[in-house]
C-alpha cells in the first residue's frame, strides 16, 4: 500500500504578451489609429503610446470619451486582424527566456488582455508557440490573478504596472521588464520585486533563482 501523498502541482512561470514576449507595438498603434479614424476621431500613434498595455475600453475612454467604446473595440479588432499590418516578431531574448523556464522543468503560461485567438496568432507569428503550455486571454491587472493562481505560477513577468498588480493578486513574484511604455523606475514604484531591462538578463536570473 502506497503511503505517498498526491503529486505536487507543476510549477509555472507566467508571462504577459504585448511588448513582453512579442513586439506588437506597430500593429497595435496602426489598428488603434485606424479604428479611431472610422469613428471620426483623429489621433496620432504618439497619443496611443501611453495606453499600450491597457484594455481597449480604457484606451477608447482616454482618447475619445464621447465615442462608443464597443464600436471602437469592434473596429480595432477588425484592423488588428488584417494581414497587411506589421507582423508580430519576438521581443529580444524572448525565446531564450522561455527555454530557461522549460530547462528548469517549469511550465510556461501566457496571460494577456488580448483575445485568446490573437494571443495564439501572435505567438505563432513570433515562433514561440511551441514553448507555451497554456494561454489565458481577455484579462488585465488583478483579473489575471486567478488564472495565474490556477496555473501555480510562482512568478509573473510583464512590462506594465498592471502586470505587477496581476502577480500580486496571484501571490506570485512580480517581475517587471522595461521593454514597454514604462521604465524600470515606474515598475519598481508599482511594486515589482525584480526589474529587468530586457529579457536577455532573464535566463541567468531564472537559473540562479530556479523557482519559489
Foldseek 3Di string as FASTA:
>chain_A
DDPDDDDDAFEAAEEEFDLAWKPCLQLQLVLQQVLCVVQVFHDHSVLQQVVPQPAQLVSCCVRPVPTDSVSSVVSSVVSSPDPVTDAMATFPQNQVLLVLCVVLVHAYEYEYLADQVVRCRNCVRHVNNVSHDYYHYNAWQLRLQVVCLVNNYQEYEYADLSSVSNCVSNVHQYEHEPRGSDHPVVNVVSPHPHYHPGNVPNSVVCVVVSGD
